C-alpha atoms as a PDB file:
ATOM      1  CA  MET A   1     -29.365 -70.928  -9.540  1.00  0.00           C
ATOM      2  CA  GLN A   2     -31.079 -72.339 -12.630  1.00  0.00           C
ATOM      3  CA  ASP A   3     -32.797 -70.867 -15.670  1.00  0.00           C
ATOM      4  CA  SER A   4     -36.453 -70.174 -14.983  1.00  0.00           C
ATOM      5  CA  ASP A   5     -39.493 -69.034 -16.922  1.00  0.00           C
ATOM      6  CA  VAL A   6     -40.224 -66.557 -14.081  1.00  0.00           C
ATOM      7  CA  LEU A   7     -37.310 -64.375 -15.157  1.00  0.00           C
ATOM      8  CA  LYS A   8     -38.281 -60.927 -16.389  1.00  0.00           C
ATOM      9  CA  GLN A   9     -38.386 -60.358 -20.133  1.00  0.00           C
ATOM     10  CA  ASP A  10     -37.047 -56.786 -20.000  1.00  0.00           C
ATOM     11  CA  TYR A  11     -35.797 -54.089 -17.625  1.00  0.00           C
ATOM     12  CA  THR A  12     -39.152 -52.344 -17.132  1.00  0.00           C
ATOM     13  CA  ASP A  13     -39.393 -53.223 -13.415  1.00  0.00           C
ATOM     14  CA  LEU A  14     -35.739 -52.660 -12.556  1.00  0.00           C
ATOM     15  CA  ALA A  15     -36.357 -49.622 -10.348  1.00  0.00           C
ATOM     16  CA  PRO A  16     -33.745 -48.055  -8.006  1.00  0.00           C
ATOM     17  CA  GLU A  17     -35.351 -49.643  -4.946  1.00  0.00           C
ATOM     18  CA  THR A  18     -35.192 -53.046  -6.660  1.00  0.00           C
ATOM     19  CA  ILE A  19     -31.488 -52.610  -7.405  1.00  0.00           C
ATOM     20  CA  LEU A  20     -30.561 -51.571  -3.873  1.00  0.00           C
ATOM     21  CA  SER A  21     -32.746 -54.248  -2.292  1.00  0.00           C
ATOM     22  CA  ALA A  22     -31.085 -56.902  -4.462  1.00  0.00           C
ATOM     23  CA  VAL A  23     -27.643 -55.812  -3.284  1.00  0.00           C
ATOM     24  CA  GLU A  24     -28.793 -55.821   0.340  1.00  0.00           C
ATOM     25  CA  THR A  25     -29.951 -59.450   0.083  1.00  0.00           C
ATOM     26  CA  LEU A  26     -26.240 -60.312  -0.112  1.00  0.00           C
ATOM     27  CA  GLY A  27     -25.519 -58.706   3.242  1.00  0.00           C
ATOM     28  CA  TYR A  28     -24.482 -55.219   2.117  1.00  0.00           C
ATOM     29  CA  GLU A  29     -25.922 -52.113   3.760  1.00  0.00           C
ATOM     30  CA  THR A  30     -26.401 -49.563   1.020  1.00  0.00           C
ATOM     31  CA  SER A  31     -26.362 -45.800   1.558  1.00  0.00           C
ATOM     32  CA  GLY A  32     -29.029 -45.074  -1.039  1.00  0.00           C
ATOM     33  CA  GLN A  33     -26.491 -43.510  -3.409  1.00  0.00           C
ATOM     34  CA  MET A  34     -26.488 -45.064  -6.851  1.00  0.00           C
ATOM     35  CA  LEU A  35     -24.910 -44.206 -10.199  1.00  0.00           C
ATOM     36  CA  ALA A  36     -25.750 -45.874 -13.511  1.00  0.00           C
ATOM     37  CA  LEU A  37     -22.585 -46.826 -15.427  1.00  0.00           C
ATOM     38  CA  ASN A  38     -22.087 -47.158 -19.161  1.00  0.00           C
ATOM     39  CA  SER A  39     -23.057 -50.601 -20.442  1.00  0.00           C
ATOM     40  CA  TYR A  40     -24.437 -51.577 -23.846  1.00  0.00           C
ATOM     41  CA  GLU A  41     -26.054 -54.923 -23.026  1.00  0.00           C
ATOM     42  CA  ASN A  42     -26.604 -55.016 -19.270  1.00  0.00           C
ATOM     43  CA  ARG A  43     -27.562 -52.585 -16.522  1.00  0.00           C
ATOM     44  CA  VAL A  44     -24.599 -51.757 -14.288  1.00  0.00           C
ATOM     45  CA  TYR A  45     -24.688 -49.580 -11.176  1.00  0.00           C
ATOM     46  CA  ARG A  46     -22.266 -48.177  -8.638  1.00  0.00           C
ATOM     47  CA  CYS A  47     -24.030 -48.635  -5.314  1.00  0.00           C
ATOM     48  CA  GLY A  48     -22.738 -46.683  -2.331  1.00  0.00           C
ATOM     49  CA  LEU A  49     -22.329 -48.491   0.997  1.00  0.00           C
ATOM     50  CA  GLU A  50     -23.353 -47.086   4.357  1.00  0.00           C
ATOM     51  CA  LYS A  51     -19.921 -47.668   5.900  1.00  0.00           C
ATOM     52  CA  GLY A  52     -18.110 -46.096   2.944  1.00  0.00           C
ATOM     53  CA  GLY A  53     -16.949 -47.274  -0.435  1.00  0.00           C
ATOM     54  CA  ALA A  54     -19.152 -48.807  -3.083  1.00  0.00           C
ATOM     55  CA  ILE A  55     -19.996 -52.053  -4.825  1.00  0.00           C
ATOM     56  CA  ILE A  56     -20.724 -52.654  -8.510  1.00  0.00           C
ATOM     57  CA  ALA A  57     -23.952 -54.482  -9.321  1.00  0.00           C
ATOM     58  CA  LYS A  58     -24.509 -55.918 -12.802  1.00  0.00           C
ATOM     59  CA  PHE A  59     -28.022 -56.969 -13.795  1.00  0.00           C
ATOM     60  CA  TYR A  60     -27.837 -59.310 -16.761  1.00  0.00           C
ATOM     61  CA  ARG A  61     -29.916 -58.666 -19.856  1.00  0.00           C
ATOM     62  CA  PRO A  62     -32.890 -61.037 -19.795  1.00  0.00           C
ATOM     63  CA  LEU A  63     -32.746 -63.938 -22.270  1.00  0.00           C
ATOM     64  CA  ARG A  64     -29.266 -63.050 -23.608  1.00  0.00           C
ATOM     65  CA  TRP A  65     -27.285 -65.811 -21.882  1.00  0.00           C
ATOM     66  CA  SER A  66     -28.212 -68.987 -20.041  1.00  0.00           C
ATOM     67  CA  ASP A  67     -27.174 -69.377 -16.404  1.00  0.00           C
ATOM     68  CA  LYS A  68     -24.544 -71.907 -17.504  1.00  0.00           C
ATOM     69  CA  ALA A  69     -23.033 -69.412 -19.956  1.00  0.00           C
ATOM     70  CA  ILE A  70     -22.895 -66.658 -17.323  1.00  0.00           C
ATOM     71  CA  LEU A  71     -21.281 -69.015 -14.824  1.00  0.00           C
ATOM     72  CA  GLU A  72     -18.658 -69.958 -17.421  1.00  0.00           C
ATOM     73  CA  GLU A  73     -17.785 -66.258 -17.642  1.00  0.00           C
ATOM     74  CA  HIS A  74     -17.478 -66.095 -13.855  1.00  0.00           C
ATOM     75  CA  LEU A  75     -15.337 -69.217 -13.668  1.00  0.00           C
ATOM     76  CA  PHE A  76     -13.019 -67.904 -16.380  1.00  0.00           C
ATOM     77  CA  SER A  77     -12.611 -64.634 -14.461  1.00  0.00           C
ATOM     78  CA  GLN A  78     -11.826 -66.517 -11.270  1.00  0.00           C
ATOM     79  CA  GLU A  79      -9.369 -68.759 -13.101  1.00  0.00           C
ATOM     80  CA  LEU A  80      -7.509 -65.683 -14.347  1.00  0.00           C
ATOM     81  CA  VAL A  81      -7.419 -64.179 -10.853  1.00  0.00           C
ATOM     82  CA  GLU A  82      -6.002 -67.426  -9.469  1.00  0.00           C
ATOM     83  CA  GLN A  83      -3.136 -67.025 -11.944  1.00  0.00           C
ATOM     84  CA  GLU A  84      -2.583 -63.465 -10.616  1.00  0.00           C
ATOM     85  CA  ILE A  85      -3.806 -61.898 -13.855  1.00  0.00           C
ATOM     86  CA  PRO A  86      -5.453 -58.524 -13.085  1.00  0.00           C
ATOM     87  CA  VAL A  87      -9.111 -58.857 -14.038  1.00  0.00           C
ATOM     88  CA  VAL A  88     -12.178 -57.826 -12.051  1.00  0.00           C
ATOM     89  CA  ALA A  89     -13.974 -61.044 -11.105  1.00  0.00           C
ATOM     90  CA  PRO A  90     -17.418 -61.342  -9.484  1.00  0.00           C
ATOM     91  CA  ILE A  91     -17.565 -61.537  -5.711  1.00  0.00           C
ATOM     92  CA  ASP A  92     -18.145 -65.039  -4.379  1.00  0.00           C
ATOM     93  CA  LYS A  93     -20.790 -65.326  -1.645  1.00  0.00           C
ATOM     94  CA  ASP A  94     -20.777 -68.776  -0.026  1.00  0.00           C
ATOM     95  CA  GLY A  95     -19.653 -70.425  -3.254  1.00  0.00           C
ATOM     96  CA  GLN A  96     -22.140 -68.548  -5.425  1.00  0.00           C
ATOM     97  CA  THR A  97     -21.532 -65.700  -7.903  1.00  0.00           C
ATOM     98  CA  LEU A  98     -24.849 -65.498  -9.780  1.00  0.00           C
ATOM     99  CA  PHE A  99     -27.940 -64.374  -7.884  1.00  0.00           C
ATOM    100  CA  ALA A 100     -31.585 -63.615  -8.607  1.00  0.00           C
ATOM    101  CA  TYR A 101     -33.968 -61.042  -7.203  1.00  0.00           C
ATOM    102  CA  GLN A 102     -37.538 -60.337  -8.304  1.00  0.00           C
ATOM    103  CA  GLY A 103     -36.958 -61.963 -11.679  1.00  0.00           C
ATOM    104  CA  TYR A 104     -33.557 -60.404 -12.436  1.00  0.00           C
ATOM    105  CA  ARG A 105     -30.219 -62.193 -12.458  1.00  0.00           C
ATOM    106  CA  PHE A 106     -27.299 -60.202 -11.108  1.00  0.00           C
ATOM    107  CA  ALA A 107     -23.742 -60.344  -9.824  1.00  0.00           C
ATOM    108  CA  VAL A 108     -21.674 -57.977  -7.710  1.00  0.00           C
ATOM    109  CA  PHE A 109     -18.104 -56.860  -8.307  1.00  0.00           C
ATOM    110  CA  PRO A 110     -15.511 -54.886  -6.352  1.00  0.00           C
ATOM    111  CA  LEU A 111     -15.093 -51.264  -7.400  1.00  0.00           C
ATOM    112  CA  ARG A 112     -11.862 -50.786  -9.361  1.00  0.00           C
ATOM    113  CA  GLY A 113     -10.648 -47.526 -10.826  1.00  0.00           C
ATOM    114  CA  GLY A 114      -8.334 -46.643 -13.686  1.00  0.00           C
ATOM    115  CA  ARG A 115      -7.921 -44.489 -16.750  1.00  0.00           C
ATOM    116  CA  TRP A 116      -8.383 -45.003 -20.471  1.00  0.00           C
ATOM    117  CA  PRO A 117      -5.294 -46.744 -21.930  1.00  0.00           C
ATOM    118  CA  ASP A 118      -3.423 -44.409 -24.300  1.00  0.00           C
ATOM    119  CA  LEU A 119      -1.229 -47.072 -25.912  1.00  0.00           C
ATOM    120  CA  GLU A 120       0.810 -44.329 -27.557  1.00  0.00           C
ATOM    121  CA  SER A 121       4.229 -45.583 -26.512  1.00  0.00           C
ATOM    122  CA  ARG A 122       5.997 -48.802 -27.407  1.00  0.00           C
ATOM    123  CA  ASP A 123       6.334 -49.600 -23.699  1.00  0.00           C
ATOM    124  CA  ASP A 124       2.558 -49.380 -23.197  1.00  0.00           C
ATOM    125  CA  LEU A 125       1.917 -51.507 -26.293  1.00  0.00           C
ATOM    126  CA  ASN A 126       4.377 -54.145 -25.118  1.00  0.00           C
ATOM    127  CA  TRP A 127       2.789 -54.145 -21.657  1.00  0.00           C
ATOM    128  CA  MET A 128      -0.679 -54.548 -23.136  1.00  0.00           C
ATOM    129  CA  GLY A 129       0.557 -57.352 -25.382  1.00  0.00           C
ATOM    130  CA  ARG A 130       2.039 -59.230 -22.433  1.00  0.00           C
ATOM    131  CA  PHE A 131      -1.178 -58.758 -20.485  1.00  0.00           C
ATOM    132  CA  ILE A 132      -3.376 -60.192 -23.246  1.00  0.00           C
ATOM    133  CA  ALA A 133      -0.888 -63.026 -23.805  1.00  0.00           C
ATOM    134  CA  ARG A 134      -1.243 -64.016 -20.138  1.00  0.00           C
ATOM    135  CA  ILE A 135      -5.028 -64.161 -20.535  1.00  0.00           C
ATOM    136  CA  HIS A 136      -4.637 -66.298 -23.662  1.00  0.00           C
ATOM    137  CA  ASN A 137      -2.188 -68.673 -21.963  1.00  0.00           C
ATOM    138  CA  VAL A 138      -4.950 -69.503 -19.507  1.00  0.00           C
ATOM    139  CA  GLY A 139      -7.619 -69.421 -22.213  1.00  0.00           C
ATOM    140  CA  ARG A 140      -5.891 -72.029 -24.345  1.00  0.00           C
ATOM    141  CA  THR A 141      -6.100 -74.724 -21.641  1.00  0.00           C
ATOM    142  CA  SER A 142      -9.742 -75.516 -22.472  1.00  0.00           C
ATOM    143  CA  LEU A 143     -12.787 -74.242 -24.385  1.00  0.00           C
ATOM    144  CA  PHE A 144     -16.142 -72.864 -23.310  1.00  0.00           C
ATOM    145  CA  GLU A 145     -19.040 -75.314 -23.586  1.00  0.00           C
ATOM    146  CA  HIS A 146     -21.974 -72.920 -23.294  1.00  0.00           C
ATOM    147  CA  ARG A 147     -20.736 -69.757 -25.001  1.00  0.00           C
ATOM    148  CA  HIS A 148     -20.427 -68.661 -28.629  1.00  0.00           C
ATOM    149  CA  GLN A 149     -17.550 -69.156 -31.028  1.00  0.00           C
ATOM    150  CA  ILE A 150     -16.236 -66.589 -33.510  1.00  0.00           C
ATOM    151  CA  GLU A 151     -17.513 -67.933 -36.826  1.00  0.00           C
ATOM    152  CA  ILE A 152     -18.670 -66.517 -40.154  1.00  0.00           C
ATOM    153  CA  ASN A 153     -21.979 -68.334 -40.506  1.00  0.00           C
ATOM    154  CA  ARG A 154     -23.541 -67.346 -37.154  1.00  0.00           C
ATOM    155  CA  MET A 155     -22.093 -63.828 -36.957  1.00  0.00           C
ATOM    156  CA  GLY A 156     -22.241 -63.018 -40.672  1.00  0.00           C
ATOM    157  CA  ASN A 157     -24.513 -65.035 -42.937  1.00  0.00           C
ATOM    158  CA  GLU A 158     -27.276 -65.779 -40.432  1.00  0.00           C
ATOM    159  CA  SER A 159     -27.280 -62.249 -38.986  1.00  0.00           C
ATOM    160  CA  ALA A 160     -27.480 -60.540 -42.377  1.00  0.00           C
ATOM    161  CA  LEU A 161     -30.238 -62.907 -43.527  1.00  0.00           C
ATOM    162  CA  TYR A 162     -32.246 -62.324 -40.337  1.00  0.00           C
ATOM    163  CA  LEU A 163     -32.185 -58.547 -40.803  1.00  0.00           C
ATOM    164  CA  GLN A 164     -33.294 -58.851 -44.418  1.00  0.00           C
ATOM    165  CA  GLU A 165     -36.063 -61.391 -43.817  1.00  0.00           C
ATOM    166  CA  ASN A 166     -37.563 -59.572 -40.831  1.00  0.00           C
ATOM    167  CA  ASP A 167     -37.919 -56.094 -42.373  1.00  0.00           C
ATOM    168  CA  PHE A 168     -35.198 -54.378 -40.352  1.00  0.00           C
ATOM    169  CA  ILE A 169     -33.764 -52.836 -43.527  1.00  0.00           C
ATOM    170  CA  PRO A 170     -35.797 -50.016 -45.187  1.00  0.00           C
ATOM    171  CA  SER A 171     -37.008 -51.048 -48.627  1.00  0.00           C
ATOM    172  CA  HIS A 172     -35.062 -48.308 -50.388  1.00  0.00           C
ATOM    173  CA  LEU A 173     -31.823 -49.631 -48.829  1.00  0.00           C
ATOM    174  CA  SER A 174     -32.460 -53.362 -49.179  1.00  0.00           C
ATOM    175  CA  VAL A 175     -30.491 -53.842 -52.416  1.00  0.00           C
ATOM    176  CA  ALA A 176     -27.589 -51.734 -51.193  1.00  0.00           C
ATOM    177  CA  TYR A 177     -27.507 -53.609 -47.887  1.00  0.00           C
ATOM    178  CA  ARG A 178     -27.670 -57.045 -49.510  1.00  0.00           C
ATOM    179  CA  THR A 179     -24.917 -56.343 -52.036  1.00  0.00           C
ATOM    180  CA  LEU A 180     -22.656 -54.712 -49.431  1.00  0.00           C
ATOM    181  CA  ALA A 181     -23.191 -57.587 -46.984  1.00  0.00           C
ATOM    182  CA  ASP A 182     -22.460 -60.134 -49.714  1.00  0.00           C
ATOM    183  CA  ASP A 183     -19.232 -58.337 -50.716  1.00  0.00           C
ATOM    184  CA  LEU A 184     -18.086 -58.075 -47.102  1.00  0.00           C
ATOM    185  CA  LEU A 185     -18.778 -61.730 -46.372  1.00  0.00           C
ATOM    186  CA  ILE A 186     -16.799 -62.786 -49.447  1.00  0.00           C
ATOM    187  CA  ALA A 187     -13.858 -60.676 -48.234  1.00  0.00           C
ATOM    188  CA  ILE A 188     -14.167 -62.085 -44.702  1.00  0.00           C
ATOM    189  CA  GLU A 189     -14.270 -65.671 -45.934  1.00  0.00           C
ATOM    190  CA  SER A 190     -11.184 -64.969 -48.045  1.00  0.00           C
ATOM    191  CA  ALA A 191      -9.363 -63.572 -45.003  1.00  0.00           C
ATOM    192  CA  PHE A 192     -10.182 -66.675 -42.957  1.00  0.00           C
ATOM    193  CA  GLU A 193      -8.967 -68.897 -45.805  1.00  0.00           C
ATOM    194  CA  ARG A 194      -5.654 -67.008 -45.910  1.00  0.00           C
ATOM    195  CA  CYS A 195      -5.207 -67.651 -42.191  1.00  0.00           C
ATOM    196  CA  GLY A 196      -5.356 -71.386 -42.723  1.00  0.00           C
ATOM    197  CA  ASP A 197      -5.694 -73.553 -39.635  1.00  0.00           C
ATOM    198  CA  TYR A 198      -5.743 -71.707 -36.330  1.00  0.00           C
ATOM    199  CA  LYS A 199      -6.431 -72.711 -32.747  1.00  0.00           C
ATOM    200  CA  ASN A 200      -9.602 -71.586 -30.991  1.00  0.00           C
ATOM    201  CA  ILE A 201      -9.040 -70.502 -27.400  1.00  0.00           C
ATOM    202  CA  ARG A 202     -11.079 -68.835 -24.678  1.00  0.00           C
ATOM    203  CA  LEU A 203     -10.972 -65.062 -25.198  1.00  0.00           C
ATOM    204  CA  HIS A 204     -12.005 -61.865 -23.454  1.00  0.00           C
ATOM    205  CA  GLY A 205     -14.043 -61.375 -26.621  1.00  0.00           C
ATOM    206  CA  ASP A 206     -14.745 -57.653 -26.247  1.00  0.00           C
ATOM    207  CA  CYS A 207     -11.287 -56.276 -25.541  1.00  0.00           C
ATOM    208  CA  HIS A 208     -11.691 -52.627 -26.539  1.00  0.00           C
ATOM    209  CA  ARG A 209     -10.285 -49.668 -24.620  1.00  0.00           C
ATOM    210  CA  SER A 210     -13.412 -49.084 -22.533  1.00  0.00           C
ATOM    211  CA  ASN A 211     -12.992 -52.554 -21.035  1.00  0.00           C
ATOM    212  CA  VAL A 212      -9.365 -51.955 -20.062  1.00  0.00           C
ATOM    213  CA  LEU A 213      -8.477 -49.710 -17.124  1.00  0.00           C
ATOM    214  CA  TRP A 214      -4.916 -48.506 -16.617  1.00  0.00           C
ATOM    215  CA  THR A 215      -3.234 -47.539 -13.348  1.00  0.00           C
ATOM    216  CA  ASP A 216       0.383 -46.987 -12.316  1.00  0.00           C
ATOM    217  CA  GLU A 217       0.540 -50.766 -11.852  1.00  0.00           C
ATOM    218  CA  GLY A 218      -0.494 -51.376 -15.454  1.00  0.00           C
ATOM    219  CA  PRO A 219      -3.698 -52.580 -17.169  1.00  0.00           C
ATOM    220  CA  HIS A 220      -6.534 -54.621 -15.757  1.00  0.00           C
ATOM    221  CA  CYS A 221      -9.622 -55.967 -17.535  1.00  0.00           C
ATOM    222  CA  VAL A 222     -13.270 -55.491 -16.702  1.00  0.00           C
ATOM    223  CA  ASP A 223     -16.425 -56.968 -18.214  1.00  0.00           C
ATOM    224  CA  LEU A 224     -15.815 -60.455 -19.587  1.00  0.00           C
ATOM    225  CA  TYR A 225     -19.530 -60.614 -20.474  1.00  0.00           C
ATOM    226  CA  ASP A 226     -18.794 -61.428 -24.137  1.00  0.00           C
ATOM    227  CA  CYS A 227     -15.997 -63.932 -23.538  1.00  0.00           C
ATOM    228  CA  CYS A 228     -16.080 -66.624 -26.201  1.00  0.00           C
ATOM    229  CA  ASN A 229     -14.069 -69.165 -28.175  1.00  0.00           C
ATOM    230  CA  GLY A 230     -12.127 -67.903 -31.164  1.00  0.00           C
ATOM    231  CA  PRO A 231      -8.771 -66.888 -32.651  1.00  0.00           C
ATOM    232  CA  ALA A 232      -6.392 -64.872 -30.478  1.00  0.00           C
ATOM    233  CA  LEU A 233      -6.547 -61.927 -32.889  1.00  0.00           C
ATOM    234  CA  GLN A 234     -10.093 -61.150 -31.680  1.00  0.00           C
ATOM    235  CA  ASP A 235      -8.592 -59.631 -28.507  1.00  0.00           C
ATOM    236  CA  LEU A 236      -6.116 -57.476 -30.457  1.00  0.00           C
ATOM    237  CA  TRP A 237      -7.899 -55.845 -33.370  1.00  0.00           C
ATOM    238  CA  MET A 238     -10.289 -53.761 -31.241  1.00  0.00           C
ATOM    239  CA  LEU A 239      -7.296 -51.945 -29.773  1.00  0.00           C
ATOM    240  CA  LEU A 240      -6.033 -50.853 -33.176  1.00  0.00           C
ATOM    241  CA  SER A 241      -6.658 -47.374 -34.496  1.00  0.00           C
ATOM    242  CA  GLY A 242      -8.728 -47.261 -37.690  1.00  0.00           C
END
């Protein structure tokens, strides 16, 4: 599919019947049971199937990513699966993974269970480290063309300036916000300078504990929605305590 100006601008019309009808256009017979799952950016639902089991349907936030950027996420997921790395990739229907229904773009995923990773033992930490290293070994073979890169200017300077110039900060906090943001950005720039040269690779990008499910067979990743180019450390620091 291609980007289109007929895409919805928000989720106002994403009603339960729309969600289930979208899933059924792919050949699934839904049971009418549906559960909204936790997701910050998108709308994600567990949709029960008439013959048992369930499918996960993710409706992408309008205007956040281009079709090309979403498809890069899907291709990266599939590339990891091909290397037998346990991630939950979108289901391919006749060579297509991104679909549209009544102005909403969506994808479907197999239902995978698991528990929150404790990471309290050295064995679990080592296992998690090996798992992320396997993702990065694939990620370092090329870079994304249509997705963001971890960088100070876009994520720091431009973001802080946008909030200040568009009245998102209350007037009585504007000085405090500006001075704090300036101090933080100086410290961040200093940290990047201390790192020296580093290699950008393709990353999970949002590798916190809620996006890692653990079973007796070890960890597997879900939700590569924020995959990006950047330093390998991006996929490690979110797992640290404090």
